[in-house]
Amino acid sequence: MILPKNKINLIIVFIFSIIFLSACGFKKINQLDKKLIHIQNIETTGDNRIAYNLKNSILLNSSVNSINKVEVKIKITKKKTIKEKDKTGKITKHNITINAYLDVKDLNQNKTIKKSFSKNREINVSSSHSVTIQSEKKIIQNISDLLAEDILNFFNLYYRN
């Protein structure tokens, strides 16, 4: 049985409309929930610039209305190593590694959670020292933003379940 062309087009439109209009209920698992935890106290040790950035990013996602009350301690270590040298022995690339050791005390359940996070990036050494310092600051800011995102994802996954 052969269908007329306009009926075939109608069937194709109908099938595509069903596919596009049906909702599958997909929800991002790492969607940050701002009412998930309440950080009552946060202590940081280590590099002050990184600690300030981490602390502010984490506190932005803390809510007083949350039932999960926590105290957070973060120990930050920054390590800068030589990655590459040229033939003359001049350094051409550095590797910057930042570690954040997280110690979370859950005040509701009286238990402590320990977790470590690490990120590293490489930086090219410029002929100008000031350009190299600016690049290093940008990379450190980028790494600390990534660490804050990882810590928030950890909180989100841990307290959501």
N, C-alpha and C. Protein backbone atom coordinates (compact mmCIF):
# COMPACT_ATOMS: atom_id res chain seq x y z
N MET A 1 0.84 -1.17 0.00
CA MET A 1 0.00 0.00 0.00
C MET A 1 0.89 1.24 0.00
N ILE A 2 0.68 2.08 -0.94
CA ILE A 2 1.47 3.29 -1.09
C ILE A 2 0.62 4.47 -0.63
N LEU A 3 1.19 5.28 0.28
CA LEU A 3 0.49 6.44 0.81
C LEU A 3 0.77 7.66 -0.05
N PRO A 4 -0.20 8.57 -0.13
CA PRO A 4 0.07 9.82 -0.87
C PRO A 4 1.14 10.64 -0.15
N LYS A 5 1.79 11.49 -0.89
CA LYS A 5 2.94 12.26 -0.40
C LYS A 5 2.57 13.15 0.78
N ASN A 6 1.41 13.78 0.77
CA ASN A 6 1.04 14.67 1.87
C ASN A 6 0.76 13.89 3.16
N LYS A 7 0.30 12.65 3.07
CA LYS A 7 0.10 11.82 4.26
C LYS A 7 1.45 11.39 4.84
N ILE A 8 2.42 11.12 4.01
CA ILE A 8 3.77 10.76 4.48
C ILE A 8 4.38 11.95 5.22
N ASN A 9 4.22 13.13 4.64
CA ASN A 9 4.73 14.34 5.31
C ASN A 9 4.04 14.56 6.64
N LEU A 10 2.74 14.32 6.70
CA LEU A 10 1.98 14.48 7.94
C LEU A 10 2.47 13.49 9.00
N ILE A 11 2.72 12.25 8.60
CA ILE A 11 3.22 11.24 9.54
C ILE A 11 4.60 11.63 10.06
N ILE A 12 5.48 12.11 9.18
CA ILE A 12 6.83 12.51 9.59
C ILE A 12 6.76 13.68 10.56
N VAL A 13 5.92 14.68 10.27
CA VAL A 13 5.75 15.82 11.18
C VAL A 13 5.20 15.34 12.52
N PHE A 14 4.26 14.45 12.51
CA PHE A 14 3.67 13.92 13.74
C PHE A 14 4.72 13.18 14.57
N ILE A 15 5.54 12.36 13.96
CA ILE A 15 6.58 11.60 14.67
C ILE A 15 7.61 12.56 15.28
N PHE A 16 8.05 13.54 14.49
CA PHE A 16 9.03 14.48 15.01
C PHE A 16 8.45 15.35 16.13
N SER A 17 7.19 15.72 16.02
CA SER A 17 6.59 16.54 17.09
C SER A 17 6.48 15.73 18.38
N ILE A 18 6.18 14.45 18.28
CA ILE A 18 6.12 13.61 19.47
C ILE A 18 7.51 13.49 20.11
N ILE A 19 8.52 13.32 19.29
CA ILE A 19 9.88 13.19 19.81
C ILE A 19 10.32 14.47 20.51
N PHE A 20 10.06 15.62 19.89
CA PHE A 20 10.52 16.89 20.45
C PHE A 20 9.69 17.36 21.63
N LEU A 21 8.42 17.02 21.67
CA LEU A 21 7.57 17.50 22.74
C LEU A 21 7.56 16.59 23.97
N SER A 22 8.02 15.38 23.82
CA SER A 22 8.02 14.49 24.98
C SER A 22 9.20 14.84 25.89
N ALA A 23 8.93 14.88 27.16
CA ALA A 23 9.97 15.22 28.14
C ALA A 23 10.47 13.93 28.78
N CYS A 24 11.78 13.84 28.90
CA CYS A 24 12.35 12.62 29.47
C CYS A 24 12.60 12.77 30.96
N GLY A 25 12.48 13.97 31.51
CA GLY A 25 12.71 14.17 32.94
C GLY A 25 14.18 14.26 33.30
N PHE A 26 15.02 14.54 32.35
CA PHE A 26 16.45 14.65 32.60
C PHE A 26 16.74 15.84 33.50
N LYS A 27 17.59 15.63 34.51
CA LYS A 27 17.98 16.69 35.42
C LYS A 27 19.48 16.55 35.68
N LYS A 28 20.20 17.64 35.58
CA LYS A 28 21.64 17.57 35.78
C LYS A 28 21.94 17.13 37.21
N ILE A 29 22.84 16.16 37.36
CA ILE A 29 23.16 15.65 38.69
C ILE A 29 24.05 16.62 39.45
N ASN A 30 24.88 17.37 38.73
CA ASN A 30 25.79 18.27 39.42
C ASN A 30 25.25 19.69 39.51
N GLN A 31 23.96 19.83 39.42
CA GLN A 31 23.32 21.13 39.55
C GLN A 31 23.45 21.56 41.01
N LEU A 32 24.03 22.73 41.24
CA LEU A 32 24.28 23.17 42.60
C LEU A 32 22.98 23.61 43.27
N ASP A 33 22.78 23.10 44.47
CA ASP A 33 21.61 23.44 45.25
C ASP A 33 22.05 24.39 46.36
N LYS A 34 21.55 25.61 46.32
CA LYS A 34 22.01 26.63 47.27
C LYS A 34 21.45 26.41 48.67
N LYS A 35 20.48 25.56 48.84
CA LYS A 35 19.91 25.32 50.16
C LYS A 35 20.34 23.96 50.71
N LEU A 36 21.46 23.46 50.25
CA LEU A 36 21.89 22.12 50.62
C LEU A 36 22.64 22.10 51.95
N ILE A 37 23.52 23.06 52.18
CA ILE A 37 24.31 23.07 53.42
C ILE A 37 24.34 24.48 54.01
N HIS A 38 24.61 24.51 55.32
CA HIS A 38 24.85 25.77 56.01
C HIS A 38 26.23 25.66 56.66
N ILE A 39 27.14 26.46 56.18
CA ILE A 39 28.50 26.45 56.73
C ILE A 39 28.53 27.45 57.88
N GLN A 40 28.65 26.92 59.09
CA GLN A 40 28.65 27.78 60.26
C GLN A 40 30.01 28.40 60.51
N ASN A 41 31.06 27.68 60.14
CA ASN A 41 32.41 28.20 60.34
C ASN A 41 33.30 27.63 59.25
N ILE A 42 34.17 28.47 58.71
CA ILE A 42 35.12 28.00 57.72
C ILE A 42 36.49 28.58 58.07
N GLU A 43 37.47 27.69 58.18
CA GLU A 43 38.85 28.08 58.48
C GLU A 43 39.73 27.65 57.32
N THR A 44 40.64 28.54 56.95
CA THR A 44 41.56 28.22 55.86
C THR A 44 42.98 28.47 56.32
N THR A 45 43.88 27.62 55.85
CA THR A 45 45.31 27.81 56.08
C THR A 45 46.01 27.63 54.75
N GLY A 46 47.11 28.33 54.60
CA GLY A 46 47.86 28.23 53.36
C GLY A 46 47.88 29.55 52.63
N ASP A 47 47.99 29.52 51.34
CA ASP A 47 48.06 30.71 50.50
C ASP A 47 46.82 31.57 50.69
N ASN A 48 47.01 32.82 51.08
CA ASN A 48 45.88 33.71 51.42
C ASN A 48 45.00 34.04 50.23
N ARG A 49 45.58 34.25 49.07
CA ARG A 49 44.78 34.61 47.89
C ARG A 49 43.87 33.46 47.47
N ILE A 50 44.42 32.26 47.45
CA ILE A 50 43.63 31.08 47.07
C ILE A 50 42.57 30.80 48.14
N ALA A 51 42.96 30.94 49.41
CA ALA A 51 42.03 30.69 50.51
C ALA A 51 40.86 31.66 50.46
N TYR A 52 41.14 32.91 50.17
CA TYR A 52 40.09 33.92 50.08
C TYR A 52 39.10 33.57 48.97
N ASN A 53 39.61 33.17 47.83
CA ASN A 53 38.75 32.81 46.70
C ASN A 53 37.91 31.57 47.02
N LEU A 54 38.53 30.54 47.57
CA LEU A 54 37.80 29.31 47.92
C LEU A 54 36.72 29.60 48.96
N LYS A 55 37.10 30.35 49.97
CA LYS A 55 36.17 30.65 51.06
C LYS A 55 34.95 31.40 50.54
N ASN A 56 35.16 32.41 49.72
CA ASN A 56 34.03 33.18 49.18
C ASN A 56 33.15 32.35 48.26
N SER A 57 33.76 31.53 47.42
CA SER A 57 32.97 30.70 46.51
C SER A 57 32.13 29.69 47.26
N ILE A 58 32.68 29.12 48.31
CA ILE A 58 31.95 28.13 49.09
C ILE A 58 30.84 28.79 49.91
N LEU A 59 31.15 29.94 50.50
CA LEU A 59 30.15 30.62 51.32
C LEU A 59 28.98 31.16 50.49
N LEU A 60 29.20 31.42 49.21
CA LEU A 60 28.10 31.87 48.35
C LEU A 60 27.03 30.80 48.21
N ASN A 61 27.41 29.54 48.38
CA ASN A 61 26.46 28.44 48.23
C ASN A 61 25.99 27.90 49.57
N SER A 62 26.19 28.65 50.62
CA SER A 62 25.73 28.27 51.95
C SER A 62 24.41 28.97 52.23
N SER A 63 23.49 28.24 52.86
CA SER A 63 22.18 28.80 53.16
C SER A 63 21.84 28.58 54.63
N VAL A 64 21.37 29.63 55.28
CA VAL A 64 21.01 29.55 56.69
C VAL A 64 19.81 28.61 56.88
N ASN A 65 18.99 28.44 55.87
CA ASN A 65 17.77 27.62 55.96
C ASN A 65 18.03 26.13 55.80
N SER A 66 19.25 25.73 55.55
CA SER A 66 19.56 24.33 55.31
C SER A 66 19.56 23.53 56.61
N ILE A 67 19.24 22.24 56.49
CA ILE A 67 19.26 21.38 57.67
C ILE A 67 20.65 20.79 57.92
N ASN A 68 21.52 20.80 56.92
CA ASN A 68 22.87 20.25 57.05
C ASN A 68 23.82 21.33 57.54
N LYS A 69 24.15 21.30 58.83
CA LYS A 69 25.05 22.28 59.43
C LYS A 69 26.46 21.68 59.46
N VAL A 70 27.43 22.44 58.93
CA VAL A 70 28.81 21.93 58.86
C VAL A 70 29.80 23.01 59.27
N GLU A 71 30.97 22.54 59.69
CA GLU A 71 32.14 23.38 59.90
C GLU A 71 33.22 22.87 58.95
N VAL A 72 33.91 23.77 58.29
CA VAL A 72 34.85 23.39 57.25
C VAL A 72 36.24 23.94 57.58
N LYS A 73 37.24 23.08 57.40
CA LYS A 73 38.63 23.50 57.47
C LYS A 73 39.28 23.12 56.14
N ILE A 74 39.98 24.08 55.57
CA ILE A 74 40.66 23.83 54.30
C ILE A 74 42.13 24.18 54.45
N LYS A 75 42.98 23.22 54.15
CA LYS A 75 44.43 23.45 54.14
C LYS A 75 44.87 23.48 52.68
N ILE A 76 45.51 24.57 52.30
CA ILE A 76 45.89 24.78 50.90
C ILE A 76 47.41 24.74 50.78
N THR A 77 47.88 23.97 49.81
CA THR A 77 49.31 23.97 49.49
C THR A 77 49.47 24.27 48.02
N LYS A 78 50.46 25.09 47.74
CA LYS A 78 50.76 25.47 46.36
C LYS A 78 52.20 25.07 46.08
N LYS A 79 52.42 24.40 44.97
CA LYS A 79 53.76 23.95 44.60
C LYS A 79 54.05 24.35 43.16
N LYS A 80 55.18 24.99 42.98
CA LYS A 80 55.60 25.42 41.64
C LYS A 80 56.88 24.67 41.30
N THR A 81 56.83 23.88 40.25
CA THR A 81 57.99 23.08 39.85
C THR A 81 58.39 23.42 38.42
N ILE A 82 59.63 23.11 38.12
CA ILE A 82 60.13 23.32 36.77
C ILE A 82 59.67 22.16 35.90
N LYS A 83 59.07 22.51 34.78
CA LYS A 83 58.58 21.47 33.88
C LYS A 83 59.51 21.26 32.69
N GLU A 84 60.06 22.35 32.19
CA GLU A 84 60.85 22.24 30.97
C GLU A 84 61.94 23.32 30.95
N LYS A 85 63.10 22.93 30.43
CA LYS A 85 64.20 23.87 30.23
C LYS A 85 64.64 23.79 28.77
N ASP A 86 65.22 24.88 28.27
CA ASP A 86 65.76 24.84 26.91
C ASP A 86 67.22 24.37 26.94
N LYS A 87 67.88 24.40 25.81
CA LYS A 87 69.24 23.88 25.69
C LYS A 87 70.24 24.65 26.55
N THR A 88 69.97 25.92 26.77
CA THR A 88 70.90 26.73 27.55
C THR A 88 70.67 26.61 29.04
N GLY A 89 69.65 25.88 29.45
CA GLY A 89 69.35 25.70 30.87
C GLY A 89 68.35 26.71 31.40
N LYS A 90 67.81 27.55 30.52
CA LYS A 90 66.82 28.54 30.92
C LYS A 90 65.44 27.86 31.02
N ILE A 91 64.73 28.20 32.08
CA ILE A 91 63.40 27.60 32.32
C ILE A 91 62.40 28.17 31.32
N THR A 92 61.66 27.27 30.65
CA THR A 92 60.66 27.70 29.68
C THR A 92 59.23 27.42 30.14
N LYS A 93 59.06 26.44 31.03
CA LYS A 93 57.72 26.11 31.53
C LYS A 93 57.80 25.73 33.00
N HIS A 94 56.78 26.17 33.74
CA HIS A 94 56.59 25.78 35.13
C HIS A 94 55.31 24.98 35.23
N ASN A 95 55.22 24.17 36.27
CA ASN A 95 53.99 23.45 36.57
C ASN A 95 53.52 23.92 37.95
N ILE A 96 52.30 24.40 38.03
CA ILE A 96 51.75 24.86 39.30
C ILE A 96 50.68 23.87 39.75
N THR A 97 50.87 23.34 40.96
CA THR A 97 49.93 22.39 41.54
C THR A 97 49.38 22.98 42.82
N ILE A 98 48.07 22.96 42.95
CA ILE A 98 47.42 23.43 44.17
C ILE A 98 46.60 22.29 44.73
N ASN A 99 46.86 21.98 46.00
CA ASN A 99 46.12 20.94 46.71
C ASN A 99 45.26 21.60 47.78
N ALA A 100 44.06 21.12 47.92
CA ALA A 100 43.16 21.58 48.98
C ALA A 100 42.71 20.35 49.77
N TYR A 101 43.09 20.34 51.05
CA TYR A 101 42.70 19.25 51.94
C TYR A 101 41.50 19.73 52.74
N LEU A 102 40.38 19.07 52.52
CA LEU A 102 39.11 19.48 53.10
C LEU A 102 38.79 18.60 54.30
N ASP A 103 38.44 19.25 55.40
CA ASP A 103 38.04 18.55 56.62
C ASP A 103 36.68 19.12 57.03
N VAL A 104 35.64 18.33 56.83
CA VAL A 104 34.27 18.79 57.07
C VAL A 104 33.72 18.08 58.30
N LYS A 105 33.28 18.86 59.26
CA LYS A 105 32.65 18.30 60.46
C LYS A 105 31.15 18.52 60.34
N ASP A 106 30.43 17.42 60.19
CA ASP A 106 28.98 17.47 60.10
C ASP A 106 28.42 17.59 61.51
N LEU A 107 27.82 18.72 61.82
CA LEU A 107 27.35 18.98 63.18
C LEU A 107 26.07 18.23 63.51
N ASN A 108 25.31 17.82 62.51
CA ASN A 108 24.08 17.07 62.75
C ASN A 108 24.37 15.62 63.11
N GLN A 109 25.31 15.01 62.41
CA GLN A 109 25.61 13.59 62.59
C GLN A 109 26.86 13.34 63.42
N ASN A 110 27.54 14.40 63.84
CA ASN A 110 28.79 14.30 64.61
C ASN A 110 29.80 13.39 63.93
N LYS A 111 30.01 13.60 62.64
CA LYS A 111 31.03 12.84 61.95
C LYS A 111 31.88 13.77 61.11
N THR A 112 33.09 13.31 60.83
CA THR A 112 34.05 14.12 60.08
C THR A 112 34.31 13.47 58.74
N ILE A 113 34.32 14.30 57.71
CA ILE A 113 34.58 13.85 56.35
C ILE A 113 35.88 14.51 55.90
N LYS A 114 36.80 13.70 55.38
CA LYS A 114 38.06 14.23 54.88
C LYS A 114 38.16 13.91 53.40
N LYS A 115 38.58 14.92 52.65
CA LYS A 115 38.69 14.76 51.20
C LYS A 115 39.78 15.69 50.71
N SER A 116 40.51 15.26 49.72
CA SER A 116 41.53 16.13 49.14
C SER A 116 41.23 16.36 47.66
N PHE A 117 41.55 17.55 47.22
CA PHE A 117 41.35 17.96 45.84
C PHE A 117 42.67 18.51 45.32
N SER A 118 42.94 18.24 44.06
CA SER A 118 44.20 18.71 43.48
C SER A 118 43.97 19.12 42.03
N LYS A 119 44.58 20.21 41.66
CA LYS A 119 44.54 20.69 40.28
C LYS A 119 45.92 21.20 39.92
N ASN A 120 46.31 21.02 38.66
CA ASN A 120 47.58 21.57 38.21
C ASN A 120 47.46 22.09 36.79
N ARG A 121 48.27 23.08 36.51
CA ARG A 121 48.34 23.69 35.19
C ARG A 121 49.80 24.04 34.92
N GLU A 122 50.11 24.15 33.65
CA GLU A 122 51.47 24.58 33.30
C GLU A 122 51.42 26.01 32.80
N ILE A 123 52.54 26.69 33.01
CA ILE A 123 52.65 28.09 32.61
C ILE A 123 53.92 28.27 31.80
N ASN A 124 53.81 28.96 30.69
CA ASN A 124 54.97 29.27 29.87
C ASN A 124 55.65 30.51 30.43
N VAL A 125 56.96 30.45 30.52
CA VAL A 125 57.73 31.58 31.01
C VAL A 125 57.94 32.54 29.85
N SER A 126 57.59 33.80 30.08
CA SER A 126 57.73 34.83 29.06
C SER A 126 59.10 35.49 29.17
N SER A 127 59.46 36.23 28.16
CA SER A 127 60.74 36.95 28.21
C SER A 127 60.67 38.10 29.22
N SER A 128 59.47 38.58 29.50
CA SER A 128 59.26 39.64 30.48
C SER A 128 58.79 39.02 31.79
N HIS A 129 59.46 39.36 32.89
CA HIS A 129 59.12 38.79 34.18
C HIS A 129 57.71 39.21 34.62
N SER A 130 57.32 40.45 34.35
CA SER A 130 56.00 40.93 34.77
C SER A 130 54.88 40.19 34.04
N VAL A 131 55.09 39.85 32.77
CA VAL A 131 54.09 39.09 32.01
C VAL A 131 53.96 37.68 32.60
N THR A 132 55.08 37.10 32.99
CA THR A 132 55.07 35.77 33.60
C THR A 132 54.31 35.80 34.92
N ILE A 133 54.52 36.83 35.73
CA ILE A 133 53.83 36.96 37.01
C ILE A 133 52.32 37.13 36.79
N GLN A 134 51.93 37.94 35.81
CA GLN A 134 50.51 38.12 35.51
C GLN A 134 49.87 36.81 35.05
N SER A 135 50.59 36.07 34.21
CA SER A 135 50.07 34.78 33.74
C SER A 135 49.93 33.81 34.90
N GLU A 136 50.90 33.84 35.80
CA GLU A 136 50.84 32.95 36.96
C GLU A 136 49.65 33.30 37.84
N LYS A 137 49.38 34.57 38.05
CA LYS A 137 48.22 34.98 38.85
C LYS A 137 46.91 34.52 38.22
N LYS A 138 46.81 34.66 36.90
CA LYS A 138 45.60 34.23 36.20
C LYS A 138 45.40 32.72 36.31
N ILE A 139 46.49 31.98 36.18
CA ILE A 139 46.40 30.52 36.28
C ILE A 139 46.03 30.09 37.69
N ILE A 140 46.60 30.75 38.69
CA ILE A 140 46.26 30.44 40.08
C ILE A 140 44.79 30.74 40.34
N GLN A 141 44.29 31.84 39.81
CA GLN A 141 42.87 32.18 39.96
C GLN A 141 42.00 31.12 39.29
N ASN A 142 42.40 30.70 38.10
CA ASN A 142 41.67 29.67 37.37
C ASN A 142 41.65 28.36 38.15
N ILE A 143 42.80 27.96 38.68
CA ILE A 143 42.88 26.71 39.44
C ILE A 143 42.02 26.80 40.70
N SER A 144 42.06 27.93 41.39
CA SER A 144 41.26 28.05 42.62
C SER A 144 39.76 28.04 42.30
N ASP A 145 39.37 28.60 41.16
CA ASP A 145 37.96 28.51 40.75
C ASP A 145 37.55 27.06 40.48
N LEU A 146 38.44 26.32 39.83
CA LEU A 146 38.16 24.90 39.55
C LEU A 146 38.09 24.09 40.85
N LEU A 147 38.97 24.39 41.80
CA LEU A 147 38.94 23.70 43.09
C LEU A 147 37.64 24.01 43.84
N ALA A 148 37.22 25.26 43.81
CA ALA A 148 35.96 25.64 44.47
C ALA A 148 34.79 24.90 43.84
N GLU A 149 34.80 24.78 42.53
CA GLU A 149 33.74 24.05 41.83
C GLU A 149 33.75 22.58 42.23
N ASP A 150 34.94 21.98 42.33
CA ASP A 150 35.04 20.57 42.75
C ASP A 150 34.53 20.38 44.18
N ILE A 151 34.88 21.30 45.07
CA ILE A 151 34.43 21.20 46.46
C ILE A 151 32.91 21.33 46.54
N LEU A 152 32.35 22.27 45.79
CA LEU A 152 30.90 22.43 45.80
C LEU A 152 30.19 21.22 45.20
N ASN A 153 30.77 20.63 44.17
CA ASN A 153 30.20 19.40 43.60
C ASN A 153 30.27 18.26 44.61
N PHE A 154 31.35 18.20 45.37
CA PHE A 154 31.46 17.18 46.42
C PHE A 154 30.36 17.36 47.45
N PHE A 155 30.17 18.59 47.93
CA PHE A 155 29.10 18.85 48.89
C PHE A 155 27.74 18.48 48.31
N ASN A 156 27.54 18.86 47.08
CA ASN A 156 26.27 18.60 46.42
C ASN A 156 25.98 17.10 46.32
N LEU A 157 26.96 16.33 45.91
CA LEU A 157 26.76 14.89 45.76
C LEU A 157 26.68 14.20 47.11
N TYR A 158 27.46 14.64 48.07
CA TYR A 158 27.47 13.98 49.38
C TYR A 158 26.17 14.22 50.14
N TYR A 159 25.70 15.45 50.16
CA TYR A 159 24.54 15.78 50.97
C TYR A 159 23.22 15.59 50.24
N ARG A 160 23.28 15.43 48.94
CA ARG A 160 22.03 15.21 48.21
C ARG A 160 21.53 13.78 48.43
N ASN A 161 22.44 12.84 48.59
CA ASN A 161 22.05 11.42 48.74
C ASN A 161 21.79 11.07 50.17
